[in-house]
Amino acid sequence: MTSPQQFLLPDVGEGLTEAEILAWSVRPGDIVEVNQIIVEVETAKAAVELPSPYAGVVSALHAEVGDLLPVGRPLITIDTDAPGEPDGPTGVRPEPQQAELLVGYGPQGTGGGRRRRRPGRASPQPADAAAVRDSAGPERDVAVQDSGGPGRDLARPAAKPPVRKLAKDLGVDLKSIAPTGPGNTITRDDVRRAVQETAVAPVITIAPPAETASAAETVRGAETRIPIRGVRRSTAAAMVASAFTAPHVTEFITVDVTATMRLRELVAGRREFRELRVTPLLFFARAFLIALAKTPEANASWDEEAQEIVLKHYVNLGVAAATERGLVVPNIKGADRMSLHGLAQALADLTATARAGRTAPGDMTGGTATLTNVGVFGVDTGTPILNPGEAAILAVGAVRRMPWVVKDDDGNERVEPRWCTQLALSFDHRLMDGRQGSELLAHTAQILHEPGLAML
């Protein structure tokens, strides 16, 4: 007699309500261990791999790839008593093994092993399908959901979960695609090729005069509909909430940062920084952090319920990062207490994990102020929208060589090429008046113009 245990979708972040199934690592009949990775889900903040809280045999998967599952709904059922397992000395079976730590944050040492089939259990697939799976090599993890119980679709095309998701997003029927991958599997290139072939020969239909006075055209493949989920959905909701809650004010300044660029070259040549990528963003972040310390109103939040302004005595600096999944804003905890080398390392780690889609949910919450680098796209400036709950966000434009009027020690003016950039600061006018906002922006610009001011 088996003991089925249901694993409910947990809240892998702070207050998240749902997650999308990206890929299953197991299928019914597989033997799993505690903390073995069983599924990858995408929340509104990050892609997260969930480990199993139980050891046993997978009996059912309660969601398919692409499904949006609310937190608390059944995700998987695991039989914790495997057949053929001997009873203990007293004839009593041991209690099901379960992880003691929060799922998603437990130790990973026991995971990552190869999937094992239940001993003596026959595969539910026909012999020819099993042969295709065994001969596929690295591509064997295809059509995970096809190994389900009765009523499954044996004619379902073979494709990996990410390929199925791509086809679903692009509106492509996998049954209409000729597979070219190993073991007759459908690849991403097959899906993209199908989209291109559909869009090559648009079909134009002229409506009869009796129906309308003007010609109507229908072009196949002229539109792509993408479900609003994950990061895009979260970003949209946050930006709308911020724009219609906090009264934004944006101020701009153009600054000569030639001295900062010289300092960057000097720091990059030092031995302790040679293993790091020393970018201008590091010094923009440092200048912003120093200026925030002199403008406490900029590192605060508005508590509407308590009718209080909450001044933060720490800075968790958010850094906006453009990724393939959309815009994410992880933050560096305690950035104001870091050395320049520590801040450089934290920025490098933040960027790498964000681009890989592996930012921890905890790193996406608790930010107090944000820095966004629009200059990386060659843009001079912009009007950034505040992160919800924060009082200030600084946008840094492209650093360019520009003609600039400089004065010598005798007060004589001349024009020479200098490294210049534009800064844009948006702030919450409930928390900061124009004076505090202007002082924060001006102080940041002064430090970038003359880094020696940071010594004061």
Protein backbone atom coordinates (compact mmCIF):
# COMPACT_ATOMS: atom_id res chain seq x y z
CA MET A 1 0.00 0.00 0.00
CA THR A 2 1.47 3.33 -1.07
CA SER A 3 1.32 6.70 0.68
CA PRO A 4 0.66 9.46 -1.85
CA GLN A 5 1.99 12.87 -0.88
CA GLN A 6 0.86 15.99 -2.75
CA PHE A 7 3.39 18.80 -3.18
CA LEU A 8 1.61 22.15 -3.44
CA LEU A 9 3.13 25.04 -5.40
CA PRO A 10 4.92 27.14 -2.74
CA ASP A 11 5.43 30.89 -2.59
CA VAL A 12 9.05 30.98 -3.73
CA GLY A 13 9.30 34.73 -3.23
CA GLU A 14 7.61 37.27 -0.99
CA GLY A 15 3.89 37.42 -1.63
CA LEU A 16 3.92 35.84 -5.12
CA THR A 17 0.55 34.44 -6.13
CA GLU A 18 1.26 32.30 -9.20
CA ALA A 19 3.95 30.71 -11.36
CA GLU A 20 4.20 29.34 -14.90
CA ILE A 21 5.50 25.83 -15.53
CA LEU A 22 8.61 26.10 -17.73
CA ALA A 23 9.94 22.53 -17.74
CA TRP A 24 9.48 19.27 -15.86
CA SER A 25 12.58 17.27 -14.87
CA VAL A 26 10.57 14.16 -13.96
CA ARG A 27 7.61 12.18 -15.26
CA PRO A 28 5.21 9.62 -13.78
CA GLY A 29 7.06 6.46 -12.75
CA ASP A 30 10.35 8.20 -11.96
CA ILE A 31 12.00 7.67 -8.58
CA VAL A 32 12.95 10.94 -6.89
CA GLU A 33 14.98 11.85 -3.84
CA VAL A 34 14.54 14.65 -1.33
CA ASN A 35 15.80 17.97 -2.77
CA GLN A 36 16.15 16.56 -6.30
CA ILE A 37 15.09 19.20 -8.83
CA ILE A 38 11.68 18.24 -10.24
CA VAL A 39 10.41 21.33 -12.07
CA GLU A 40 11.42 24.80 -13.24
CA VAL A 41 8.83 27.55 -12.82
CA GLU A 42 8.78 31.21 -13.77
CA THR A 43 7.38 33.67 -11.26
CA ALA A 44 6.80 37.36 -11.71
CA LYS A 45 10.38 37.91 -10.57
CA ALA A 46 12.63 35.05 -11.65
CA ALA A 47 12.95 31.52 -13.00
CA VAL A 48 13.23 29.11 -10.08
CA GLU A 49 14.04 25.39 -9.86
CA LEU A 50 11.95 23.60 -7.23
CA PRO A 51 13.32 20.53 -5.40
CA SER A 52 11.18 17.67 -4.17
CA PRO A 53 10.22 17.69 -0.48
CA TYR A 54 9.62 13.91 -0.59
CA ALA A 55 11.45 10.75 -1.63
CA GLY A 56 9.47 8.19 -3.60
CA VAL A 57 7.89 7.50 -6.99
CA VAL A 58 6.16 10.16 -9.07
CA SER A 59 2.54 9.09 -9.57
CA ALA A 60 1.04 12.22 -11.18
CA LEU A 61 1.90 15.66 -12.54
CA HIS A 62 -0.92 18.15 -12.03
CA ALA A 63 0.15 20.79 -14.57
CA GLU A 64 1.59 20.92 -18.06
CA VAL A 65 4.34 23.10 -19.48
CA GLY A 66 2.92 26.56 -20.10
CA ASP A 67 0.22 26.30 -17.43
CA LEU A 68 -0.15 29.21 -14.99
CA LEU A 69 -0.63 27.71 -11.54
CA PRO A 70 -1.79 29.61 -8.43
CA VAL A 71 0.25 29.24 -5.25
CA GLY A 72 -1.20 26.49 -3.08
CA ARG A 73 -2.49 24.34 -5.95
CA PRO A 74 -1.27 20.72 -6.32
CA LEU A 75 1.90 20.49 -8.40
CA ILE A 76 2.92 16.83 -8.19
CA THR A 77 1.94 13.65 -6.33
CA ILE A 78 4.66 11.32 -5.02
CA ASP A 79 4.15 7.81 -3.59
CA THR A 80 6.55 7.71 -0.65
CA ASP A 81 6.45 3.89 -0.25
CA ALA A 82 8.25 2.24 -3.18
CA PRO A 83 7.35 -1.41 -3.89
CA GLY A 84 9.94 -3.98 -2.88
CA GLU A 85 11.29 -1.77 -0.12
CA PRO A 86 11.74 -3.92 3.02
CA ASP A 87 10.13 -2.98 6.27
CA GLY A 88 12.25 -2.05 9.25
CA PRO A 89 13.29 -4.50 12.01
CA THR A 90 9.97 -4.04 13.76
CA GLY A 91 7.97 -4.55 10.58
CA VAL A 92 6.95 -0.90 10.53
CA ARG A 93 7.79 1.21 7.48
CA PRO A 94 9.81 4.36 8.17
CA GLU A 95 8.12 7.74 7.98
CA PRO A 96 8.29 9.43 4.56
CA GLN A 97 11.51 11.36 4.11
CA GLN A 98 10.79 15.07 3.83
CA ALA A 99 12.98 18.12 3.54
CA GLU A 100 13.17 20.17 6.72
CA LEU A 101 14.01 23.42 4.96
CA LEU A 102 11.68 25.61 2.92
CA VAL A 103 11.21 24.15 -0.54
CA GLY A 104 13.23 26.11 -3.06
CA TYR A 105 15.88 27.02 -0.50
CA GLY A 106 17.02 23.59 0.76
CA PRO A 107 20.41 21.95 0.20
CA GLN A 108 21.03 20.82 -3.36
CA GLY A 109 23.59 18.09 -2.72
CA THR A 110 21.29 15.14 -3.37
CA GLY A 111 19.69 16.49 -6.50
CA GLY A 112 20.78 16.37 -10.09
CA GLY A 113 21.03 12.58 -10.41
CA ARG A 114 19.76 10.64 -13.38
CA ARG A 115 16.09 9.67 -13.33
CA ARG A 116 15.39 6.08 -12.30
CA ARG A 117 12.37 4.05 -13.30
CA ARG A 118 10.34 2.12 -10.70
CA PRO A 119 11.77 -1.44 -10.60
CA GLY A 120 9.70 -3.93 -12.52
CA ARG A 121 7.38 -1.28 -13.89
CA ALA A 122 6.69 -1.58 -17.61
CA SER A 123 6.87 1.57 -19.71
CA PRO A 124 3.40 2.83 -20.71
CA GLN A 125 4.75 3.74 -24.15
CA PRO A 126 4.60 1.45 -27.20
CA ALA A 127 7.84 -0.28 -28.20
CA ASP A 128 8.52 2.01 -31.16
CA ALA A 129 8.15 5.16 -29.05
CA ALA A 130 10.49 3.74 -26.41
CA ALA A 131 13.07 2.97 -29.09
CA VAL A 132 12.93 6.54 -30.36
CA ARG A 133 13.40 7.87 -26.81
CA ASP A 134 16.37 5.60 -26.11
CA SER A 135 18.11 6.49 -29.37
CA ALA A 136 17.72 10.22 -28.92
CA GLY A 137 20.75 10.65 -26.64
CA PRO A 138 20.85 14.19 -25.20
CA GLU A 139 17.46 14.90 -26.74
CA ARG A 140 15.72 12.15 -24.77
CA ASP A 141 13.86 14.56 -22.44
CA VAL A 142 11.13 15.16 -24.99
CA ALA A 143 7.38 15.26 -24.58
CA VAL A 144 7.55 14.82 -20.82
CA GLN A 145 3.81 14.98 -20.49
CA ASP A 146 3.34 12.17 -23.02
CA SER A 147 4.30 9.60 -20.40
CA GLY A 148 1.17 10.23 -18.41
CA GLY A 149 -1.57 7.73 -17.70
CA PRO A 150 -4.59 6.59 -19.69
CA GLY A 151 -6.04 8.90 -22.28
CA ARG A 152 -2.75 10.48 -23.32
CA ASP A 153 -2.26 11.50 -26.96
CA LEU A 154 0.15 9.02 -28.54
CA ALA A 155 0.21 11.10 -31.74
CA ARG A 156 1.51 14.16 -29.94
CA PRO A 157 4.65 15.48 -31.69
CA ALA A 158 7.93 14.94 -29.86
CA ALA A 159 9.44 18.21 -28.61
CA LYS A 160 11.16 19.50 -25.52
CA PRO A 161 9.12 21.66 -23.12
CA PRO A 162 10.90 24.93 -24.09
CA VAL A 163 10.15 24.20 -27.76
CA ARG A 164 6.49 23.58 -26.94
CA LYS A 165 6.36 26.89 -25.08
CA LEU A 166 7.95 28.73 -28.03
CA ALA A 167 5.43 27.20 -30.42
CA LYS A 168 2.57 28.13 -28.10
CA ASP A 169 3.78 31.73 -27.83
CA LEU A 170 4.13 32.02 -31.63
CA GLY A 171 0.81 30.33 -32.34
CA VAL A 172 2.33 27.41 -34.25
CA ASP A 173 0.68 23.96 -34.35
CA LEU A 174 3.42 21.40 -33.68
CA LYS A 175 1.52 18.76 -35.65
CA SER A 176 2.06 20.80 -38.82
CA ILE A 177 5.87 20.86 -38.46
CA ALA A 178 8.27 18.34 -39.99
CA PRO A 179 10.84 17.47 -37.27
CA THR A 180 14.55 17.68 -38.08
CA GLY A 181 16.04 17.07 -34.65
CA PRO A 182 17.58 13.85 -33.31
CA GLY A 183 15.06 11.07 -32.88
CA ASN A 184 12.50 12.92 -35.02
CA THR A 185 12.11 15.69 -32.43
CA ILE A 186 10.98 19.21 -33.23
CA THR A 187 13.60 21.90 -32.55
CA ARG A 188 13.41 25.65 -32.02
CA ASP A 189 14.69 26.20 -35.56
CA ASP A 190 11.83 24.06 -36.88
CA VAL A 191 9.31 26.29 -35.11
CA ARG A 192 10.93 29.51 -36.31
CA ARG A 193 11.11 28.16 -39.86
CA ALA A 194 7.40 27.36 -39.77
CA VAL A 195 6.64 30.94 -38.74
CA GLN A 196 8.78 32.34 -41.56
CA GLU A 197 7.17 30.07 -44.16
CA THR A 198 3.72 31.16 -43.02
CA ALA A 199 4.64 34.82 -43.31
CA VAL A 200 6.35 34.53 -46.72
CA ALA A 201 3.20 34.25 -48.83
CA PRO A 202 0.50 36.49 -47.36
CA VAL A 203 -3.00 35.70 -48.53
CA ILE A 204 -5.13 38.73 -49.42
CA THR A 205 -8.89 38.35 -49.53
CA ILE A 206 -11.09 41.04 -51.08
CA ALA A 207 -14.49 41.23 -49.44
CA PRO A 208 -17.49 41.18 -51.80
CA PRO A 209 -19.00 44.62 -52.56
CA ALA A 210 -22.29 43.47 -51.00
CA GLU A 211 -20.62 43.16 -47.57
CA THR A 212 -18.57 46.36 -47.51
CA ALA A 213 -17.77 49.29 -49.73
CA SER A 214 -14.00 49.04 -49.14
CA ALA A 215 -11.56 46.22 -49.77
CA ALA A 216 -10.69 44.18 -46.66
CA GLU A 217 -7.31 42.49 -46.32
CA THR A 218 -6.29 39.60 -44.13
CA VAL A 219 -2.56 38.88 -43.85
CA ARG A 220 -1.52 35.59 -42.32
CA GLY A 221 1.39 35.76 -39.93
CA ALA A 222 1.29 39.57 -39.71
CA GLU A 223 0.71 39.46 -35.96
CA THR A 224 2.23 37.55 -33.08
CA ARG A 225 0.34 37.32 -29.81
CA ILE A 226 2.44 36.77 -26.69
CA PRO A 227 0.74 35.91 -23.38
CA ILE A 228 1.33 38.58 -20.73
CA ARG A 229 2.98 36.54 -18.01
CA GLY A 230 6.00 36.38 -15.76
CA VAL A 231 8.35 39.37 -15.66
CA ARG A 232 6.44 41.35 -18.30
CA ARG A 233 3.19 41.09 -16.37
CA SER A 234 4.85 42.01 -13.08
CA THR A 235 6.71 44.96 -14.63
CA ALA A 236 3.55 46.31 -16.26
CA ALA A 237 1.56 46.12 -13.03
CA ALA A 238 4.34 47.75 -11.01
CA MET A 239 4.84 50.59 -13.49
CA VAL A 240 1.12 51.37 -13.70
CA ALA A 241 0.82 51.31 -9.91
CA SER A 242 3.85 53.57 -9.53
CA ALA A 243 2.83 56.05 -12.22
CA PHE A 244 -0.66 56.50 -10.75
CA THR A 245 0.34 56.43 -7.08
CA ALA A 246 3.54 58.43 -6.67
CA PRO A 247 3.57 61.99 -8.09
CA HIS A 248 6.70 61.91 -10.26
CA VAL A 249 9.06 64.82 -10.77
CA THR A 250 12.02 64.43 -13.12
CA GLU A 251 15.03 66.75 -13.27
CA PHE A 252 18.00 66.69 -15.64
CA ILE A 253 21.62 67.78 -15.61
CA THR A 254 24.52 67.52 -18.06
CA VAL A 255 27.90 66.97 -16.43
CA ASP A 256 31.55 66.84 -17.44
CA VAL A 257 32.81 63.44 -16.17
CA THR A 258 36.32 63.59 -17.62
CA ALA A 259 37.90 63.30 -14.16
CA THR A 260 35.77 60.24 -13.37
CA MET A 261 36.82 58.55 -16.63
CA ARG A 262 40.47 59.14 -15.73
CA LEU A 263 39.83 57.65 -12.30
CA ARG A 264 38.21 54.62 -13.94
CA GLU A 265 41.36 53.99 -15.99
CA LEU A 266 43.53 54.33 -12.89
CA VAL A 267 41.38 51.92 -10.85
CA ALA A 268 41.11 49.39 -13.70
CA GLY A 269 44.92 49.19 -13.80
CA ARG A 270 45.26 48.30 -10.13
CA ARG A 271 46.09 44.69 -9.34
CA GLU A 272 43.06 44.01 -7.11
CA PHE A 273 40.67 45.14 -9.87
CA ARG A 274 42.23 43.28 -12.80
CA GLU A 275 39.87 40.32 -12.45
CA LEU A 276 36.83 42.62 -12.53
CA ARG A 277 35.23 44.64 -15.29
CA VAL A 278 35.57 48.24 -14.13
CA THR A 279 32.84 50.20 -15.95
CA PRO A 280 31.68 53.83 -15.59
CA LEU A 281 28.48 52.46 -14.00
CA LEU A 282 30.53 51.50 -10.94
CA PHE A 283 31.47 55.14 -10.34
CA PHE A 284 27.98 56.43 -11.10
CA ALA A 285 26.65 54.02 -8.48
CA ARG A 286 29.30 55.12 -5.96
CA ALA A 287 28.54 58.82 -6.50
CA PHE A 288 24.79 58.19 -6.16
CA LEU A 289 25.31 56.29 -2.90
CA ILE A 290 27.41 59.12 -1.44
CA ALA A 291 24.80 61.70 -2.44
CA LEU A 292 21.98 59.58 -0.96
CA ALA A 293 23.73 59.69 2.43
CA LYS A 294 23.41 63.49 2.41
CA THR A 295 19.75 63.41 1.32
CA PRO A 296 17.96 60.98 3.68
CA GLU A 297 14.54 61.89 2.25
CA ALA A 298 15.60 60.17 -1.00
CA ASN A 299 16.15 56.86 0.77
CA ALA A 300 12.67 56.54 2.22
CA SER A 301 9.22 55.08 1.59
CA TRP A 302 5.64 56.27 2.03
CA ASP A 303 3.46 54.18 4.38
CA GLU A 304 -0.08 55.09 3.34
CA GLU A 305 -1.79 52.88 5.89
CA ALA A 306 0.19 54.18 8.87
CA GLN A 307 0.45 57.70 7.41
CA GLU A 308 4.17 57.72 8.06
CA ILE A 309 7.36 58.42 6.13
CA VAL A 310 9.88 55.62 6.71
CA LEU A 311 13.51 56.74 6.51
CA LYS A 312 15.87 53.86 5.71
CA HIS A 313 19.28 53.83 7.42
CA TYR A 314 20.66 51.43 4.83
CA VAL A 315 20.75 51.44 1.03
CA ASN A 316 19.71 48.42 -1.01
CA LEU A 317 20.67 49.75 -4.41
CA GLY A 318 18.51 48.46 -7.26
CA VAL A 319 20.14 48.18 -10.69
CA ALA A 320 17.81 47.84 -13.67
CA ALA A 321 18.89 45.00 -15.97
CA ALA A 322 17.50 44.23 -19.43
CA THR A 323 17.25 40.46 -19.94
CA GLU A 324 15.67 38.12 -22.48
CA ARG A 325 12.80 37.66 -20.01
CA GLY A 326 12.24 41.40 -19.70
CA LEU A 327 13.27 44.17 -17.31
CA VAL A 328 14.30 43.06 -13.84
CA VAL A 329 15.58 45.22 -10.97
CA PRO A 330 17.56 43.14 -8.47
CA ASN A 331 19.19 45.08 -5.67
CA ILE A 332 22.53 45.01 -3.86
CA LYS A 333 21.89 44.68 -0.14
CA GLY A 334 23.86 47.14 2.02
CA ALA A 335 25.50 48.80 -1.00
CA ASP A 336 26.28 51.93 1.01
CA ARG A 337 28.58 49.95 3.33
CA MET A 338 30.63 48.35 0.54
CA SER A 339 34.11 49.28 -0.62
CA LEU A 340 34.63 50.17 -4.27
CA HIS A 341 35.98 46.67 -4.91
CA GLY A 342 33.04 45.04 -3.12
CA LEU A 343 30.58 47.15 -5.09
CA ALA A 344 32.31 46.20 -8.37
CA GLN A 345 32.06 42.50 -7.48
CA ALA A 346 28.39 42.86 -6.48
CA LEU A 347 27.54 44.62 -9.75
CA ALA A 348 29.27 41.88 -11.75
CA ASP A 349 27.43 39.12 -9.87
CA LEU A 350 24.09 40.93 -10.16
CA THR A 351 24.46 41.37 -13.92
CA ALA A 352 25.56 37.77 -14.54
CA THR A 353 22.72 36.18 -12.56
CA ALA A 354 20.10 38.54 -14.05
CA ARG A 355 21.12 37.76 -17.63
CA ALA A 356 21.09 34.04 -16.84
CA GLY A 357 17.58 34.38 -15.39
CA ARG A 358 18.78 33.03 -12.03
CA THR A 359 18.26 36.02 -9.78
CA ALA A 360 17.11 34.83 -6.35
CA PRO A 361 13.61 36.06 -5.39
CA GLY A 362 15.01 37.69 -2.26
CA ASP A 363 17.31 39.87 -4.39
CA MET A 364 14.28 41.31 -6.20
CA THR A 365 12.65 42.74 -3.07
CA GLY A 366 13.60 45.27 -0.42
CA GLY A 367 15.21 47.87 -2.72
CA THR A 368 15.42 51.45 -1.43
CA ALA A 369 16.71 53.41 -4.46
CA THR A 370 17.43 52.47 -8.08
CA LEU A 371 20.02 53.19 -10.77
CA THR A 372 19.26 52.56 -14.45
CA ASN A 373 21.84 52.82 -17.22
CA VAL A 374 20.07 53.84 -20.42
CA GLY A 375 23.40 54.96 -21.86
CA VAL A 376 24.32 51.35 -22.62
CA PHE A 377 21.80 51.58 -25.49
CA GLY A 378 23.33 54.82 -26.80
CA VAL A 379 20.54 56.94 -25.29
CA ASP A 380 21.35 60.38 -23.88
CA THR A 381 18.63 60.54 -21.23
CA GLY A 382 15.10 59.52 -20.27
CA THR A 383 12.38 59.96 -17.65
CA PRO A 384 12.56 56.85 -15.46
CA ILE A 385 9.55 55.58 -13.52
CA LEU A 386 10.03 54.90 -9.83
CA ASN A 387 10.17 51.38 -8.50
CA PRO A 388 7.09 50.97 -6.29
CA GLY A 389 7.91 51.82 -2.68
CA GLU A 390 11.02 53.85 -3.51
CA ALA A 391 11.57 57.60 -3.49
CA ALA A 392 14.24 58.06 -6.18
CA ILE A 393 15.62 56.56 -9.38
CA LEU A 394 18.63 57.88 -11.31
CA ALA A 395 18.99 57.33 -15.06
CA VAL A 396 22.50 57.59 -16.53
CA GLY A 397 22.88 58.47 -20.20
CA ALA A 398 25.62 57.62 -22.67
CA VAL A 399 29.09 59.00 -21.93
CA ARG A 400 30.21 60.94 -25.02
CA ARG A 401 32.99 63.25 -26.15
CA MET A 402 31.42 66.72 -26.42
CA PRO A 403 32.68 70.31 -26.79
CA TRP A 404 32.77 71.89 -23.33
CA VAL A 405 33.63 75.34 -22.05
CA VAL A 406 36.41 75.16 -19.44
CA LYS A 407 38.20 77.83 -17.45
CA ASP A 408 41.89 77.96 -16.60
CA ASP A 409 43.31 79.23 -13.32
CA ASP A 410 43.27 82.80 -14.64
CA GLY A 411 39.54 82.61 -15.47
CA ASN A 412 40.10 82.46 -19.23
CA GLU A 413 37.56 80.32 -21.12
CA ARG A 414 38.23 77.90 -23.91
CA VAL A 415 36.34 75.10 -25.67
CA GLU A 416 37.79 71.61 -25.64
CA PRO A 417 36.47 68.04 -26.03
CA ARG A 418 35.45 66.46 -22.74
CA TRP A 419 33.72 63.27 -21.59
CA CYS A 420 30.13 64.25 -20.77
CA THR A 421 26.88 62.56 -19.79
CA GLN A 422 23.33 63.48 -18.85
CA LEU A 423 21.67 62.42 -15.62
CA ALA A 424 17.91 62.25 -15.04
CA LEU A 425 16.50 61.91 -11.54
CA SER A 426 12.86 61.01 -10.91
CA PHE A 427 11.58 61.33 -7.35
CA ASP A 428 8.37 61.00 -5.35
CA HIS A 429 7.10 64.52 -4.62
CA ARG A 430 5.27 63.25 -1.54
CA LEU A 431 8.59 62.37 0.06
CA MET A 432 10.87 65.00 -1.44
CA ASP A 433 10.38 68.65 -2.28
CA GLY A 434 12.09 70.22 -5.25
CA ARG A 435 14.96 71.35 -3.04
CA GLN A 436 15.89 67.86 -1.84
CA GLY A 437 15.53 66.41 -5.35
CA SER A 438 17.69 69.14 -6.86
CA GLU A 439 20.32 68.77 -4.14
CA LEU A 440 20.52 65.00 -4.67
CA LEU A 441 20.99 65.37 -8.43
CA ALA A 442 23.45 68.26 -8.12
CA HIS A 443 25.53 66.50 -5.48
CA THR A 444 25.75 63.33 -7.61
CA ALA A 445 26.87 65.43 -10.59
CA GLN A 446 29.46 67.31 -8.51
CA ILE A 447 31.10 64.07 -7.36
CA LEU A 448 31.22 62.74 -10.93
CA HIS A 449 32.72 66.03 -12.14
CA GLU A 450 35.30 66.06 -9.36
CA PRO A 451 35.64 62.67 -7.63
CA GLY A 452 37.92 64.24 -5.03
CA LEU A 453 34.79 65.74 -3.42
CA ALA A 454 34.03 62.24 -2.11
CA MET A 455 36.90 62.78 0.33
CA LEU A 456 35.02 65.58 2.09
